[in-house]
Amino acid sequence: MPLNINKTKLNIALTLGVVGLSLLTIFWHHQMYLLYVQSKRIEAQNHQLVALHKQLLIEQSEAISGGEIKAKALKILKMQTPKRQRELLL
């Protein structure tokens, strides 16, 4: 039972296969480009959020004054103010 395929049909089938794979490659490349663009946009948003978070932390730490920390230490931790202070010269 020999296969009866002539060269023209084989060439047409191979050509269609190559064209189909080429189209799939173009589609895949476009999808990868869209994914790259999306990841860059998300990365930029992430950097903005991190910068905003750091800024808010700095503003919060600046808002807490030394007096509030001292009052909290005296009230909650039952710490006492020092009776005498020494100056240490280096």
PDB file of N, CA and C in Angstrom:
ATOM      1  N   MET A   1       0.827  -1.162   0.000  1.00  0.00           N
ATOM      2  CA  MET A   1       0.000   0.000   0.000  1.00  0.00           C
ATOM      3  C   MET A   1       0.886   1.246   0.000  1.00  0.00           C
ATOM      4  N   PRO A   2       1.365   1.626  -1.108  1.00  0.00           N
ATOM      5  CA  PRO A   2       2.241   2.796  -1.205  1.00  0.00           C
ATOM      6  C   PRO A   2       1.428   4.088  -1.085  1.00  0.00           C
ATOM      7  N   LEU A   3       2.061   5.077  -0.485  1.00  0.00           N
ATOM      8  CA  LEU A   3       1.424   6.375  -0.366  1.00  0.00           C
ATOM      9  C   LEU A   3       1.491   7.080  -1.711  1.00  0.00           C
ATOM     10  N   ASN A   4       0.371   7.593  -2.108  1.00  0.00           N
ATOM     11  CA  ASN A   4       0.291   8.219  -3.406  1.00  0.00           C
ATOM     12  C   ASN A   4       0.147   9.737  -3.220  1.00  0.00           C
ATOM     13  N   ILE A   5       1.224  10.392  -2.781  1.00  0.00           N
ATOM     14  CA  ILE A   5       1.225  11.837  -2.564  1.00  0.00           C
ATOM     15  C   ILE A   5       2.144  12.440  -3.616  1.00  0.00           C
ATOM     16  N   ASN A   6       1.594  13.396  -4.363  1.00  0.00           N
ATOM     17  CA  ASN A   6       2.508  14.012  -5.328  1.00  0.00           C
ATOM     18  C   ASN A   6       3.201  15.211  -4.681  1.00  0.00           C
ATOM     19  N   LYS A   7       4.231  15.694  -5.313  1.00  0.00           N
ATOM     20  CA  LYS A   7       5.077  16.742  -4.748  1.00  0.00           C
ATOM     21  C   LYS A   7       4.331  18.053  -4.589  1.00  0.00           C
ATOM     22  N   THR A   8       3.423  18.359  -5.468  1.00  0.00           N
ATOM     23  CA  THR A   8       2.697  19.630  -5.404  1.00  0.00           C
ATOM     24  C   THR A   8       1.844  19.693  -4.134  1.00  0.00           C
ATOM     25  N   LYS A   9       1.132  18.629  -3.838  1.00  0.00           N
ATOM     26  CA  LYS A   9       0.300  18.604  -2.632  1.00  0.00           C
ATOM     27  C   LYS A   9       1.161  18.690  -1.375  1.00  0.00           C
ATOM     28  N   LEU A  10       2.278  18.019  -1.396  1.00  0.00           N
ATOM     29  CA  LEU A  10       3.189  18.064  -0.247  1.00  0.00           C
ATOM     30  C   LEU A  10       3.739  19.473  -0.049  1.00  0.00           C
ATOM     31  N   ASN A  11       4.152  20.123  -1.147  1.00  0.00           N
ATOM     32  CA  ASN A  11       4.667  21.493  -1.050  1.00  0.00           C
ATOM     33  C   ASN A  11       3.596  22.461  -0.556  1.00  0.00           C
ATOM     34  N   ILE A  12       2.359  22.283  -1.019  1.00  0.00           N
ATOM     35  CA  ILE A  12       1.271  23.141  -0.567  1.00  0.00           C
ATOM     36  C   ILE A  12       1.034  22.936   0.929  1.00  0.00           C
ATOM     37  N   ALA A  13       1.032  21.691   1.361  1.00  0.00           N
ATOM     38  CA  ALA A  13       0.812  21.407   2.776  1.00  0.00           C
ATOM     39  C   ALA A  13       1.936  21.987   3.636  1.00  0.00           C
ATOM     40  N   LEU A  14       3.176  21.839   3.202  1.00  0.00           N
ATOM     41  CA  LEU A  14       4.304  22.396   3.947  1.00  0.00           C
ATOM     42  C   LEU A  14       4.263  23.926   3.964  1.00  0.00           C
ATOM     43  N   THR A  15       3.900  24.526   2.834  1.00  0.00           N
ATOM     44  CA  THR A  15       3.808  25.989   2.765  1.00  0.00           C
ATOM     45  C   THR A  15       2.728  26.501   3.710  1.00  0.00           C
ATOM     46  N   LEU A  16       1.574  25.851   3.719  1.00  0.00           N
ATOM     47  CA  LEU A  16       0.504  26.249   4.631  1.00  0.00           C
ATOM     48  C   LEU A  16       0.937  26.079   6.090  1.00  0.00           C
ATOM     49  N   GLY A  17       1.665  25.033   6.368  1.00  0.00           N
ATOM     50  CA  GLY A  17       2.174  24.824   7.721  1.00  0.00           C
ATOM     51  C   GLY A  17       3.134  25.926   8.148  1.00  0.00           C
ATOM     52  N   VAL A  18       4.038  26.301   7.236  1.00  0.00           N
ATOM     53  CA  VAL A  18       4.998  27.359   7.548  1.00  0.00           C
ATOM     54  C   VAL A  18       4.278  28.693   7.739  1.00  0.00           C
ATOM     55  N   VAL A  19       3.307  28.987   6.881  1.00  0.00           N
ATOM     56  CA  VAL A  19       2.547  30.238   7.008  1.00  0.00           C
ATOM     57  C   VAL A  19       1.767  30.243   8.325  1.00  0.00           C
ATOM     58  N   GLY A  20       1.156  29.135   8.668  1.00  0.00           N
ATOM     59  CA  GLY A  20       0.411  29.042   9.925  1.00  0.00           C
ATOM     60  C   GLY A  20       1.314  29.252  11.128  1.00  0.00           C
ATOM     61  N   LEU A  21       2.474  28.625  11.128  1.00  0.00           N
ATOM     62  CA  LEU A  21       3.419  28.814  12.235  1.00  0.00           C
ATOM     63  C   LEU A  21       3.951  30.245  12.287  1.00  0.00           C
ATOM     64  N   SER A  22       4.132  30.860  11.131  1.00  0.00           N
ATOM     65  CA  SER A  22       4.582  32.251  11.094  1.00  0.00           C
ATOM     66  C   SER A  22       3.532  33.170  11.711  1.00  0.00           C
ATOM     67  N   LEU A  23       2.271  32.945  11.378  1.00  0.00           N
ATOM     68  CA  LEU A  23       1.198  33.751  11.958  1.00  0.00           C
ATOM     69  C   LEU A  23       1.114  33.555  13.467  1.00  0.00           C
ATOM     70  N   LEU A  24       1.273  32.320  13.916  1.00  0.00           N
ATOM     71  CA  LEU A  24       1.269  32.072  15.363  1.00  0.00           C
ATOM     72  C   LEU A  24       2.450  32.752  16.051  1.00  0.00           C
ATOM     73  N   THR A  25       3.602  32.785  15.392  1.00  0.00           N
ATOM     74  CA  THR A  25       4.776  33.442  15.952  1.00  0.00           C
ATOM     75  C   THR A  25       4.543  34.944  16.071  1.00  0.00           C
ATOM     76  N   ILE A  26       3.926  35.537  15.053  1.00  0.00           N
ATOM     77  CA  ILE A  26       3.621  36.970  15.099  1.00  0.00           C
ATOM     78  C   ILE A  26       2.643  37.255  16.233  1.00  0.00           C
ATOM     79  N   PHE A  27       1.626  36.431  16.362  1.00  0.00           N
ATOM     80  CA  PHE A  27       0.646  36.601  17.432  1.00  0.00           C
ATOM     81  C   PHE A  27       1.309  36.467  18.806  1.00  0.00           C
ATOM     82  N   TRP A  28       2.160  35.481  18.959  1.00  0.00           N
ATOM     83  CA  TRP A  28       2.862  35.264  20.231  1.00  0.00           C
ATOM     84  C   TRP A  28       3.752  36.459  20.567  1.00  0.00           C
ATOM     85  N   HIS A  29       4.462  36.974  19.554  1.00  0.00           N
ATOM     86  CA  HIS A  29       5.341  38.115  19.773  1.00  0.00           C
ATOM     87  C   HIS A  29       4.523  39.337  20.214  1.00  0.00           C
ATOM     88  N   HIS A  30       3.377  39.555  19.607  1.00  0.00           N
ATOM     89  CA  HIS A  30       2.527  40.685  19.984  1.00  0.00           C
ATOM     90  C   HIS A  30       2.013  40.516  21.420  1.00  0.00           C
ATOM     91  N   GLN A  31       1.638  39.311  21.794  1.00  0.00           N
ATOM     92  CA  GLN A  31       1.180  39.067  23.161  1.00  0.00           C
ATOM     93  C   GLN A  31       2.308  39.311  24.166  1.00  0.00           C
ATOM     94  N   MET A  32       3.510  38.920  23.828  1.00  0.00           N
ATOM     95  CA  MET A  32       4.651  39.161  24.719  1.00  0.00           C
ATOM     96  C   MET A  32       4.923  40.653  24.850  1.00  0.00           C
ATOM     97  N   TYR A  33       4.778  41.398  23.750  1.00  0.00           N
ATOM     98  CA  TYR A  33       4.964  42.847  23.800  1.00  0.00           C
ATOM     99  C   TYR A  33       3.915  43.492  24.699  1.00  0.00           C
ATOM    100  N   LEU A  34       2.662  43.080  24.588  1.00  0.00           N
ATOM    101  CA  LEU A  34       1.605  43.625  25.439  1.00  0.00           C
ATOM    102  C   LEU A  34       1.864  43.301  26.907  1.00  0.00           C
ATOM    103  N   LEU A  35       2.339  42.090  27.172  1.00  0.00           N
ATOM    104  CA  LEU A  35       2.663  41.706  28.544  1.00  0.00           C
ATOM    105  C   LEU A  35       3.820  42.542  29.089  1.00  0.00           C
ATOM    106  N   TYR A  36       4.811  42.811  28.252  1.00  0.00           N
ATOM    107  CA  TYR A  36       5.945  43.644  28.651  1.00  0.00           C
ATOM    108  C   TYR A  36       5.483  45.061  28.992  1.00  0.00           C
ATOM    109  N   VAL A  37       4.633  45.635  28.155  1.00  0.00           N
ATOM    110  CA  VAL A  37       4.130  46.987  28.397  1.00  0.00           C
ATOM    111  C   VAL A  37       3.334  47.029  29.700  1.00  0.00           C
ATOM    112  N   GLN A  38       2.505  46.023  29.920  1.00  0.00           N
ATOM    113  CA  GLN A  38       1.704  45.969  31.142  1.00  0.00           C
ATOM    114  C   GLN A  38       2.603  45.831  32.371  1.00  0.00           C
ATOM    115  N   SER A  39       3.623  44.997  32.288  1.00  0.00           N
ATOM    116  CA  SER A  39       4.511  44.818  33.443  1.00  0.00           C
ATOM    117  C   SER A  39       5.289  46.094  33.749  1.00  0.00           C
ATOM    118  N   LYS A  40       5.696  46.830  32.724  1.00  0.00           N
ATOM    119  CA  LYS A  40       6.396  48.095  32.955  1.00  0.00           C
ATOM    120  C   LYS A  40       5.472  49.117  33.599  1.00  0.00           C
ATOM    121  N   ARG A  41       4.210  49.163  33.171  1.00  0.00           N
ATOM    122  CA  ARG A  41       3.248  50.097  33.755  1.00  0.00           C
ATOM    123  C   ARG A  41       2.993  49.751  35.225  1.00  0.00           C
ATOM    124  N   ILE A  42       2.842  48.475  35.518  1.00  0.00           N
ATOM    125  CA  ILE A  42       2.605  48.042  36.896  1.00  0.00           C
ATOM    126  C   ILE A  42       3.834  48.306  37.760  1.00  0.00           C
ATOM    127  N   GLU A  43       5.013  48.113  37.196  1.00  0.00           N
ATOM    128  CA  GLU A  43       6.247  48.379  37.942  1.00  0.00           C
ATOM    129  C   GLU A  43       6.363  49.860  38.286  1.00  0.00           C
ATOM    130  N   ALA A  44       5.996  50.737  37.345  1.00  0.00           N
ATOM    131  CA  ALA A  44       6.034  52.173  37.608  1.00  0.00           C
ATOM    132  C   ALA A  44       5.027  52.541  38.700  1.00  0.00           C
ATOM    133  N   GLN A  45       3.840  51.954  38.654  1.00  0.00           N
ATOM    134  CA  GLN A  45       2.850  52.212  39.703  1.00  0.00           C
ATOM    135  C   GLN A  45       3.356  51.725  41.060  1.00  0.00           C
ATOM    136  N   ASN A  46       4.017  50.582  41.060  1.00  0.00           N
ATOM    137  CA  ASN A  46       4.563  50.039  42.303  1.00  0.00           C
ATOM    138  C   ASN A  46       5.622  50.977  42.883  1.00  0.00           C
ATOM    139  N   HIS A  47       6.495  51.522  42.029  1.00  0.00           N
ATOM    140  CA  HIS A  47       7.503  52.460  42.509  1.00  0.00           C
ATOM    141  C   HIS A  47       6.849  53.713  43.081  1.00  0.00           C
ATOM    142  N   GLN A  48       5.776  54.195  42.448  1.00  0.00           N
ATOM    143  CA  GLN A  48       5.074  55.362  42.973  1.00  0.00           C
ATOM    144  C   GLN A  48       4.461  55.063  44.335  1.00  0.00           C
ATOM    145  N   LEU A  49       3.868  53.877  44.483  1.00  0.00           N
ATOM    146  CA  LEU A  49       3.265  53.514  45.761  1.00  0.00           C
ATOM    147  C   LEU A  49       4.315  53.375  46.861  1.00  0.00           C
ATOM    148  N   VAL A  50       5.449  52.799  46.531  1.00  0.00           N
ATOM    149  CA  VAL A  50       6.518  52.655  47.528  1.00  0.00           C
ATOM    150  C   VAL A  50       7.031  54.027  47.951  1.00  0.00           C
ATOM    151  N   ALA A  51       7.198  54.932  46.973  1.00  0.00           N
ATOM    152  CA  ALA A  51       7.668  56.275  47.301  1.00  0.00           C
ATOM    153  C   ALA A  51       6.645  57.006  48.172  1.00  0.00           C
ATOM    154  N   LEU A  52       5.372  56.874  47.858  1.00  0.00           N
ATOM    155  CA  LEU A  52       4.328  57.508  48.659  1.00  0.00           C
ATOM    156  C   LEU A  52       4.294  56.934  50.067  1.00  0.00           C
ATOM    157  N   HIS A  53       4.468  55.621  50.181  1.00  0.00           N
ATOM    158  CA  HIS A  53       4.489  54.973  51.492  1.00  0.00           C
ATOM    159  C   HIS A  53       5.657  55.480  52.329  1.00  0.00           C
ATOM    160  N   LYS A  54       6.824  55.595  51.714  1.00  0.00           N
ATOM    161  CA  LYS A  54       7.988  56.113  52.438  1.00  0.00           C
ATOM    162  C   LYS A  54       7.755  57.555  52.875  1.00  0.00           C
ATOM    163  N   GLN A  55       7.159  58.357  51.993  1.00  0.00           N
ATOM    164  CA  GLN A  55       6.888  59.746  52.335  1.00  0.00           C
ATOM    165  C   GLN A  55       5.925  59.836  53.512  1.00  0.00           C
ATOM    166  N   LEU A  56       4.883  59.010  53.496  1.00  0.00           N
ATOM    167  CA  LEU A  56       3.930  59.021  54.602  1.00  0.00           C
ATOM    168  C   LEU A  56       4.570  58.565  55.909  1.00  0.00           C
ATOM    169  N   LEU A  57       5.451  57.578  55.839  1.00  0.00           N
ATOM    170  CA  LEU A  57       6.151  57.138  57.048  1.00  0.00           C
ATOM    171  C   LEU A  57       7.037  58.249  57.605  1.00  0.00           C
ATOM    172  N   ILE A  58       7.702  58.975  56.724  1.00  0.00           N
ATOM    173  CA  ILE A  58       8.559  60.074  57.178  1.00  0.00           C
ATOM    174  C   ILE A  58       7.711  61.168  57.822  1.00  0.00           C
ATOM    175  N   GLU A  59       6.594  61.500  57.175  1.00  0.00           N
ATOM    176  CA  GLU A  59       5.721  62.535  57.739  1.00  0.00           C
ATOM    177  C   GLU A  59       5.150  62.107  59.087  1.00  0.00           C
ATOM    178  N   GLN A  60       4.823  60.822  59.213  1.00  0.00           N
ATOM    179  CA  GLN A  60       4.293  60.330  60.484  1.00  0.00           C
ATOM    180  C   GLN A  60       5.360  60.386  61.570  1.00  0.00           C
ATOM    181  N   SER A  61       6.571  60.012  61.234  1.00  0.00           N
ATOM    182  CA  SER A  61       7.632  60.041  62.248  1.00  0.00           C
ATOM    183  C   SER A  61       7.974  61.470  62.640  1.00  0.00           C
ATOM    184  N   GLU A  62       7.847  62.412  61.694  1.00  0.00           N
ATOM    185  CA  GLU A  62       8.089  63.807  62.036  1.00  0.00           C
ATOM    186  C   GLU A  62       6.962  64.364  62.902  1.00  0.00           C
ATOM    187  N   ALA A  63       5.751  63.820  62.733  1.00  0.00           N
ATOM    188  CA  ALA A  63       4.602  64.313  63.505  1.00  0.00           C
ATOM    189  C   ALA A  63       4.709  63.924  64.971  1.00  0.00           C
ATOM    190  N   ILE A  64       5.348  62.793  65.231  1.00  0.00           N
ATOM    191  CA  ILE A  64       5.512  62.374  66.626  1.00  0.00           C
ATOM    192  C   ILE A  64       6.686  63.161  67.198  1.00  0.00           C
ATOM    193  N   SER A  65       6.390  64.032  68.094  1.00  0.00           N
ATOM    194  CA  SER A  65       7.453  64.875  68.655  1.00  0.00           C
ATOM    195  C   SER A  65       8.115  64.165  69.835  1.00  0.00           C
ATOM    196  N   GLY A  66       9.197  64.733  70.257  1.00  0.00           N
ATOM    197  CA  GLY A  66       9.902  64.162  71.395  1.00  0.00           C
ATOM    198  C   GLY A  66       9.093  64.239  72.672  1.00  0.00           C
ATOM    199  N   GLY A  67       8.265  65.270  72.794  1.00  0.00           N
ATOM    200  CA  GLY A  67       7.420  65.409  73.987  1.00  0.00           C
ATOM    201  C   GLY A  67       6.393  64.302  74.084  1.00  0.00           C
ATOM    202  N   GLU A  68       5.819  63.923  72.960  1.00  0.00           N
ATOM    203  CA  GLU A  68       4.844  62.829  72.975  1.00  0.00           C
ATOM    204  C   GLU A  68       5.512  61.514  73.351  1.00  0.00           C
ATOM    205  N   ILE A  69       6.691  61.315  72.846  1.00  0.00           N
ATOM    206  CA  ILE A  69       7.421  60.085  73.182  1.00  0.00           C
ATOM    207  C   ILE A  69       7.752  60.076  74.677  1.00  0.00           C
ATOM    208  N   LYS A  70       8.164  61.237  75.208  1.00  0.00           N
ATOM    209  CA  LYS A  70       8.489  61.316  76.630  1.00  0.00           C
ATOM    210  C   LYS A  70       7.252  61.080  77.491  1.00  0.00           C
ATOM    211  N   ALA A  71       6.114  61.680  77.099  1.00  0.00           N
ATOM    212  CA  ALA A  71       4.878  61.491  77.861  1.00  0.00           C
ATOM    213  C   ALA A  71       4.436  60.032  77.824  1.00  0.00           C
ATOM    214  N   LYS A  72       4.586  59.407  76.675  1.00  0.00           N
ATOM    215  CA  LYS A  72       4.222  57.994  76.564  1.00  0.00           C
ATOM    216  C   LYS A  72       5.130  57.138  77.441  1.00  0.00           C
ATOM    217  N   ALA A  73       6.415  57.458  77.455  1.00  0.00           N
ATOM    218  CA  ALA A  73       7.349  56.703  78.279  1.00  0.00           C
ATOM    219  C   ALA A  73       7.031  56.861  79.767  1.00  0.00           C
ATOM    220  N   LEU A  74       6.681  58.076  80.151  1.00  0.00           N
ATOM    221  CA  LEU A  74       6.360  58.307  81.565  1.00  0.00           C
ATOM    222  C   LEU A  74       5.058  57.625  81.954  1.00  0.00           C
ATOM    223  N   LYS A  75       4.067  57.677  81.075  1.00  0.00           N
ATOM    224  CA  LYS A  75       2.743  57.173  81.421  1.00  0.00           C
ATOM    225  C   LYS A  75       2.656  55.648  81.287  1.00  0.00           C
ATOM    226  N   ILE A  76       3.015  55.120  80.152  1.00  0.00           N
ATOM    227  CA  ILE A  76       2.812  53.688  79.888  1.00  0.00           C
ATOM    228  C   ILE A  76       3.936  52.841  80.484  1.00  0.00           C
ATOM    229  N   LEU A  77       5.161  53.267  80.255  1.00  0.00           N
ATOM    230  CA  LEU A  77       6.305  52.459  80.699  1.00  0.00           C
ATOM    231  C   LEU A  77       6.718  52.766  82.137  1.00  0.00           C
ATOM    232  N   LYS A  78       6.075  53.753  82.761  1.00  0.00           N
ATOM    233  CA  LYS A  78       6.367  54.146  84.151  1.00  0.00           C
ATOM    234  C   LYS A  78       7.838  54.514  84.337  1.00  0.00           C
ATOM    235  N   MET A  79       8.387  55.157  83.337  1.00  0.00           N
ATOM    236  CA  MET A  79       9.772  55.604  83.440  1.00  0.00           C
ATOM    237  C   MET A  79       9.804  56.904  84.235  1.00  0.00           C
ATOM    238  N   GLN A  80      10.938  57.198  84.790  1.00  0.00           N
ATOM    239  CA  GLN A  80      11.084  58.416  85.576  1.00  0.00           C
ATOM    240  C   GLN A  80      12.103  59.324  84.897  1.00  0.00           C
ATOM    241  N   THR A  81      11.910  60.604  85.117  1.00  0.00           N
ATOM    242  CA  THR A  81      12.866  61.553  84.556  1.00  0.00           C
ATOM    243  C   THR A  81      14.172  61.435  85.312  1.00  0.00           C
ATOM    244  N   PRO A  82      15.278  61.670  84.656  1.00  0.00           N
ATOM    245  CA  PRO A  82      16.570  61.541  85.341  1.00  0.00           C
ATOM    246  C   PRO A  82      16.735  62.619  86.404  1.00  0.00           C
ATOM    247  N   LYS A  83      17.354  62.249  87.529  1.00  0.00           N
ATOM    248  CA  LYS A  83      17.579  63.176  88.636  1.00  0.00           C
ATOM    249  C   LYS A  83      18.748  64.108  88.328  1.00  0.00           C
ATOM    250  N   ARG A  84      19.762  63.553  87.716  1.00  0.00           N
ATOM    251  CA  ARG A  84      20.910  64.381  87.359  1.00  0.00           C
ATOM    252  C   ARG A  84      21.397  63.941  85.978  1.00  0.00           C
ATOM    253  N   GLN A  85      22.020  64.862  85.333  1.00  0.00           N
ATOM    254  CA  GLN A  85      22.527  64.575  83.989  1.00  0.00           C
ATOM    255  C   GLN A  85      24.004  64.861  83.970  1.00  0.00           C
ATOM    256  N   ARG A  86      24.723  63.954  83.299  1.00  0.00           N
ATOM    257  CA  ARG A  86      26.150  64.144  83.137  1.00  0.00           C
ATOM    258  C   ARG A  86      26.437  64.481  81.687  1.00  0.00           C
ATOM    259  N   GLU A  87      27.435  65.255  81.498  1.00  0.00           N
ATOM    260  CA  GLU A  87      27.839  65.581  80.147  1.00  0.00           C
ATOM    261  C   GLU A  87      29.092  64.776  79.837  1.00  0.00           C
ATOM    262  N   LEU A  88      29.055  64.070  78.751  1.00  0.00           N
ATOM    263  CA  LEU A  88      30.186  63.222  78.375  1.00  0.00           C
ATOM    264  C   LEU A  88      30.896  63.858  77.200  1.00  0.00           C
ATOM    265  N   LEU A  89      32.122  64.236  77.434  1.00  0.00           N
ATOM    266  CA  LEU A  89      32.921  64.857  76.370  1.00  0.00           C
ATOM    267  C   LEU A  89      33.786  63.798  75.717  1.00  0.00           C
ATOM    268  N   LEU A  90      33.757  63.792  74.451  1.00  0.00           N
ATOM    269  CA  LEU A  90      34.593  62.823  73.728  1.00  0.00           C
ATOM    270  C   LEU A  90      35.853  63.441  73.237  1.00  0.00           C
TER     271      LEU A  90
END
